Amino acid sequence: MAAAAPGALGALQAGRARLVAACCARLGPGLRLPGSVAGRQVGPAIRAPGWAPAARGPAPRRGYSSEVKADDELRVRHLEEENRANLPVPTIAAIDGLALGGGLELALACDIRVAASSAKMGLVETKLAIIPGGGGTQRLPRAIGMSLAKELIFSARVLDGQEAKAVGLISHVLEQNQEGDAAYRKALDLAREFLPQGPVAMRVAKLAINQGMEVDLVTGLAIEEACYAQTIPTKDRLEGLLAFKEKRPPRYKGE
């Protein structure tokens, strides 16, 4: 397992859909941590062929055209497994180009999604007489509602950034820049906004939200109370109070 240094930004790019992990992340087998952006430490940049389905010819088992399809599927599965176990950092998918089929499923596994207005995204598997198999049938309804998710999956419709923002699939839509990385830059801005917060608080806040969304309100409030209790005995909580008293930025250590 490779790990980013505390306070680092991690960036994962799969085709044109990129993920940004804020704070300190355990990123999984085979993920390396080189690179820097604007003088800040930034971990791995991993590139893979696009996630568009095969247009013609004999289709592989899941219908994706990629010579590294098996590796890409393992990355999606790994991210899904980490999310189920609550990857202890915010994850942001930045979509600057195509996110079709598995590419969108990867984005749906993230906490936050941003996209360029020119980006194209959709779960198009029904065109190939299959269905989304990387979490799309479960995560899309949770993101935008059951009826609209069914409409998009049944029609294999492809949305641009503005349309995706209108239905609530993404949080931010940006005009694409000349470098073609407007969404990626926005994702980094969001990650830097998250970084100063207490790591323990970020971890348990994500846990409370994720688990609370799967249960009724009364149970969700009990989960919140249990998560809140985990922050009380931490050194970071005392550091936050002291920093506020001394009118200085807190120096959190995740303890």
Protein backbone atom coordinates (compact mmCIF):
# COMPACT_ATOMS: atom_id res chain seq x y z
CA MET A 1 0.00 0.00 0.00
CA ALA A 2 1.31 3.43 -0.95
CA ALA A 3 0.54 6.37 1.30
CA ALA A 4 0.64 10.11 0.67
CA ALA A 5 2.37 12.29 3.21
CA PRO A 6 0.10 14.04 5.72
CA GLY A 7 -1.32 17.23 4.25
CA ALA A 8 -0.58 16.13 0.70
CA LEU A 9 -2.95 16.25 -2.23
CA GLY A 10 -3.36 12.99 -4.13
CA ALA A 11 -4.51 12.99 -7.75
CA LEU A 12 -5.68 9.93 -9.66
CA GLN A 13 -6.48 10.15 -13.35
CA ALA A 14 -8.26 7.33 -15.17
CA GLY A 15 -8.65 8.37 -18.80
CA ARG A 16 -10.14 11.87 -18.67
CA ALA A 17 -11.91 11.38 -15.34
CA ARG A 18 -9.63 12.41 -12.47
CA LEU A 19 -9.93 11.89 -8.78
CA VAL A 20 -8.43 14.14 -6.13
CA ALA A 21 -7.96 12.77 -2.62
CA ALA A 22 -7.51 15.53 -0.07
CA CYS A 23 -5.33 15.12 3.01
CA CYS A 24 -3.58 11.79 3.63
CA ALA A 25 -4.82 8.79 1.66
CA ARG A 26 -3.91 5.13 1.42
CA LEU A 27 -4.23 4.73 -2.31
CA GLY A 28 -3.97 1.03 -2.98
CA PRO A 29 -1.67 -1.42 -4.75
CA GLY A 30 0.57 -0.12 -7.50
CA LEU A 31 -0.21 3.57 -7.06
CA ARG A 32 2.92 5.75 -7.04
CA LEU A 33 3.34 9.19 -5.53
CA PRO A 34 5.45 11.45 -7.79
CA GLY A 35 4.80 14.99 -8.96
CA SER A 36 3.88 18.45 -7.75
CA VAL A 37 1.34 21.14 -8.62
CA ALA A 38 1.91 24.83 -7.85
CA GLY A 39 4.56 23.98 -5.30
CA ARG A 40 2.25 21.74 -3.26
CA GLN A 41 2.98 18.07 -2.77
CA VAL A 42 0.72 16.06 -5.02
CA GLY A 43 0.53 12.30 -5.26
CA PRO A 44 -0.02 9.87 -7.99
CA ALA A 45 -0.98 10.71 -11.55
CA ILE A 46 -2.20 7.49 -13.12
CA ARG A 47 -3.30 7.47 -16.74
CA ALA A 48 -5.28 4.86 -18.57
CA PRO A 49 -7.05 4.62 -21.94
CA GLY A 50 -10.58 6.02 -22.09
CA TRP A 51 -13.63 4.30 -20.70
CA ALA A 52 -15.83 4.52 -23.82
CA PRO A 53 -17.61 1.26 -24.68
CA ALA A 54 -16.48 -0.66 -27.76
CA ALA A 55 -18.31 0.58 -30.85
CA ARG A 56 -17.92 -2.49 -33.06
CA GLY A 57 -16.42 -5.95 -33.27
CA PRO A 58 -16.59 -8.74 -30.70
CA ALA A 59 -17.27 -7.24 -27.31
CA PRO A 60 -15.31 -8.31 -24.22
CA ARG A 61 -17.24 -9.75 -21.32
CA ARG A 62 -18.24 -6.31 -19.96
CA GLY A 63 -18.15 -4.55 -23.35
CA TYR A 64 -15.35 -2.01 -22.79
CA SER A 65 -12.68 -1.25 -25.35
CA SER A 66 -9.38 -1.04 -23.48
CA GLU A 67 -6.20 -3.04 -23.59
CA VAL A 68 -5.88 -2.50 -19.85
CA LYS A 69 -9.56 -3.11 -19.14
CA ALA A 70 -8.84 -5.66 -16.42
CA ASP A 71 -6.54 -3.25 -14.55
CA ASP A 72 -9.07 -0.42 -14.91
CA GLU A 73 -11.86 -2.60 -13.54
CA LEU A 74 -9.68 -3.54 -10.59
CA ARG A 75 -9.11 0.16 -9.86
CA VAL A 76 -12.86 0.82 -9.90
CA ARG A 77 -13.52 -2.19 -7.68
CA HIS A 78 -10.73 -1.14 -5.32
CA LEU A 79 -12.16 2.37 -5.03
CA GLU A 80 -15.62 0.94 -4.40
CA GLU A 81 -14.28 -1.34 -1.70
CA GLU A 82 -12.37 1.54 -0.08
CA ASN A 83 -15.50 3.71 -0.18
CA ARG A 84 -17.53 0.97 1.47
CA ALA A 85 -14.88 0.89 4.20
CA ASN A 86 -14.88 4.71 4.18
CA LEU A 87 -11.72 5.91 2.49
CA PRO A 88 -10.81 8.40 5.23
CA VAL A 89 -10.49 11.46 2.99
CA PRO A 90 -12.74 13.43 0.61
CA THR A 91 -12.57 12.19 -2.98
CA ILE A 92 -13.30 14.46 -5.94
CA ALA A 93 -13.85 13.32 -9.52
CA ALA A 94 -12.85 15.92 -12.12
CA ILE A 95 -14.32 15.21 -15.55
CA ASP A 96 -12.65 17.18 -18.33
CA GLY A 97 -13.50 14.90 -21.24
CA LEU A 98 -15.38 11.62 -21.60
CA ALA A 99 -16.77 9.64 -18.65
CA LEU A 100 -18.88 6.94 -20.27
CA GLY A 101 -19.83 3.66 -18.66
CA GLY A 102 -17.11 2.71 -16.19
CA GLY A 103 -15.65 6.22 -16.26
CA LEU A 104 -18.86 7.64 -14.82
CA GLU A 105 -19.11 4.75 -12.37
CA LEU A 106 -15.66 5.69 -11.09
CA ALA A 107 -16.83 9.29 -10.69
CA LEU A 108 -20.00 8.15 -8.91
CA ALA A 109 -17.84 6.32 -6.36
CA CYS A 110 -16.33 9.68 -5.34
CA ASP A 111 -17.74 12.10 -2.79
CA ILE A 112 -17.87 15.11 -5.11
CA ARG A 113 -17.95 15.48 -8.90
CA VAL A 114 -16.98 18.50 -10.99
CA ALA A 115 -16.94 18.75 -14.78
CA ALA A 116 -16.17 21.03 -17.69
CA SER A 117 -19.18 22.21 -19.66
CA SER A 118 -17.81 20.36 -22.69
CA ALA A 119 -17.46 17.05 -20.82
CA LYS A 120 -19.61 14.10 -21.82
CA MET A 121 -20.85 11.54 -19.32
CA GLY A 122 -23.40 8.77 -19.17
CA LEU A 123 -24.13 5.14 -18.40
CA VAL A 124 -24.44 3.85 -21.95
CA GLU A 125 -24.22 0.10 -21.40
CA THR A 126 -27.78 -0.67 -22.51
CA LYS A 127 -26.71 0.26 -26.05
CA LEU A 128 -24.51 -2.83 -25.89
CA ALA A 129 -27.26 -5.03 -24.44
CA ILE A 130 -25.64 -5.07 -20.99
CA ILE A 131 -26.15 -3.00 -17.85
CA PRO A 132 -23.80 -0.91 -15.72
CA GLY A 133 -21.81 -3.36 -13.61
CA GLY A 134 -19.45 -1.15 -11.63
CA GLY A 135 -22.00 0.32 -9.23
CA GLY A 136 -23.87 2.54 -11.69
CA THR A 137 -27.34 1.06 -11.12
CA GLN A 138 -26.95 1.67 -7.38
CA ARG A 139 -25.05 4.95 -7.14
CA LEU A 140 -26.79 6.93 -9.89
CA PRO A 141 -30.25 6.64 -8.27
CA ARG A 142 -28.74 7.66 -4.95
CA ALA A 143 -27.17 10.70 -6.62
CA ILE A 144 -30.05 12.00 -8.75
CA GLY A 145 -33.15 10.00 -7.77
CA MET A 146 -34.62 6.73 -9.00
CA SER A 147 -36.89 7.97 -11.79
CA LEU A 148 -34.31 10.13 -13.52
CA ALA A 149 -31.59 7.50 -13.09
CA LYS A 150 -33.84 4.94 -14.79
CA GLU A 151 -34.50 7.37 -17.64
CA LEU A 152 -30.78 7.95 -18.21
CA ILE A 153 -29.84 4.26 -17.99
CA PHE A 154 -32.77 3.07 -20.12
CA SER A 155 -32.00 5.64 -22.83
CA ALA A 156 -28.18 5.38 -22.58
CA ARG A 157 -28.25 9.18 -22.76
CA VAL A 158 -25.02 11.16 -22.72
CA LEU A 159 -25.06 14.48 -20.84
CA ASP A 160 -22.76 17.46 -21.15
CA GLY A 161 -21.53 19.37 -18.12
CA GLN A 162 -24.41 21.84 -18.01
CA GLU A 163 -26.99 19.07 -18.29
CA ALA A 164 -25.23 17.02 -15.60
CA LYS A 165 -25.25 20.03 -13.26
CA ALA A 166 -28.96 20.61 -13.93
CA VAL A 167 -29.89 17.07 -12.82
CA GLY A 168 -27.58 17.13 -9.78
CA LEU A 169 -25.04 14.64 -11.09
CA ILE A 170 -22.16 17.07 -10.51
CA SER A 171 -21.61 19.89 -8.01
CA HIS A 172 -19.77 22.37 -10.24
CA VAL A 173 -19.57 23.00 -13.98
CA LEU A 174 -16.74 25.06 -15.51
CA GLU A 175 -16.06 26.51 -18.93
CA GLN A 176 -13.20 24.50 -20.39
CA ASN A 177 -9.82 26.26 -20.63
CA GLN A 178 -7.16 26.02 -23.33
CA GLU A 179 -5.24 23.42 -21.35
CA GLY A 180 -8.31 21.20 -21.12
CA ASP A 181 -8.10 20.82 -17.32
CA ALA A 182 -10.67 23.28 -15.94
CA ALA A 183 -12.43 20.64 -13.85
CA TYR A 184 -9.13 19.28 -12.56
CA ARG A 185 -8.07 22.76 -11.42
CA LYS A 186 -11.41 23.24 -9.67
CA ALA A 187 -10.98 19.88 -7.94
CA LEU A 188 -7.57 20.95 -6.68
CA ASP A 189 -9.05 24.22 -5.41
CA LEU A 190 -11.69 22.27 -3.48
CA ALA A 191 -9.07 19.88 -2.11
CA ARG A 192 -6.96 22.80 -0.89
CA GLU A 193 -10.07 24.23 0.77
CA PHE A 194 -10.57 20.93 2.60
CA LEU A 195 -6.94 20.45 3.63
CA PRO A 196 -6.79 22.83 6.64
CA GLN A 197 -9.61 21.02 8.46
CA GLY A 198 -8.99 18.44 11.16
CA PRO A 199 -8.23 15.01 9.60
CA VAL A 200 -10.09 13.05 12.29
CA ALA A 201 -13.12 15.31 11.93
CA MET A 202 -13.07 14.92 8.14
CA ARG A 203 -12.89 11.14 8.44
CA VAL A 204 -15.77 10.75 10.89
CA ALA A 205 -17.89 13.40 9.13
CA LYS A 206 -17.66 11.36 5.94
CA LEU A 207 -18.45 8.19 7.90
CA ALA A 208 -21.49 9.80 9.52
CA ILE A 209 -22.84 11.08 6.21
CA ASN A 210 -22.24 7.87 4.27
CA GLN A 211 -23.71 5.56 6.89
CA GLY A 212 -26.50 7.94 7.81
CA MET A 213 -27.75 8.06 4.24
CA GLU A 214 -28.39 4.31 4.32
CA VAL A 215 -30.66 4.31 7.40
CA ASP A 216 -33.66 6.13 8.87
CA LEU A 217 -33.23 9.56 10.52
CA VAL A 218 -33.34 8.29 14.11
CA THR A 219 -30.61 5.74 13.41
CA GLY A 220 -28.67 8.34 11.45
CA LEU A 221 -28.71 10.72 14.41
CA ALA A 222 -27.38 7.92 16.62
CA ILE A 223 -24.56 7.36 14.10
CA GLU A 224 -23.80 11.10 14.17
CA GLU A 225 -23.66 11.08 17.98
CA ALA A 226 -21.25 8.14 17.96
CA CYS A 227 -19.05 9.81 15.36
CA TYR A 228 -19.10 13.11 17.26
CA ALA A 229 -17.94 11.28 20.38
CA GLN A 230 -14.86 10.06 18.50
CA THR A 231 -13.66 13.65 18.00
CA ILE A 232 -13.91 14.71 21.66
CA PRO A 233 -10.82 12.94 23.10
CA THR A 234 -8.52 13.90 20.20
CA LYS A 235 -5.45 16.10 20.46
CA ASP A 236 -6.67 17.89 17.34
CA ARG A 237 -9.80 19.12 19.15
CA LEU A 238 -7.65 20.66 21.89
CA GLU A 239 -5.35 22.17 19.26
CA GLY A 240 -8.36 23.70 17.50
CA LEU A 241 -9.56 25.33 20.72
CA LEU A 242 -6.07 26.59 21.55
CA ALA A 243 -5.53 27.97 18.04
CA PHE A 244 -8.87 29.79 18.22
CA LYS A 245 -7.91 31.29 21.60
CA GLU A 246 -4.48 32.34 20.31
CA LYS A 247 -5.90 33.65 17.03
CA ARG A 248 -3.63 31.53 14.83
CA PRO A 249 -4.14 28.75 12.27
CA PRO A 250 -4.42 25.31 13.90
CA ARG A 251 -1.68 22.73 13.36
CA TYR A 252 -3.55 19.46 13.16
CA LYS A 253 -1.76 16.11 13.21
CA GLY A 254 -4.65 13.70 12.82
CA GLU A 255 -4.40 12.57 16.43
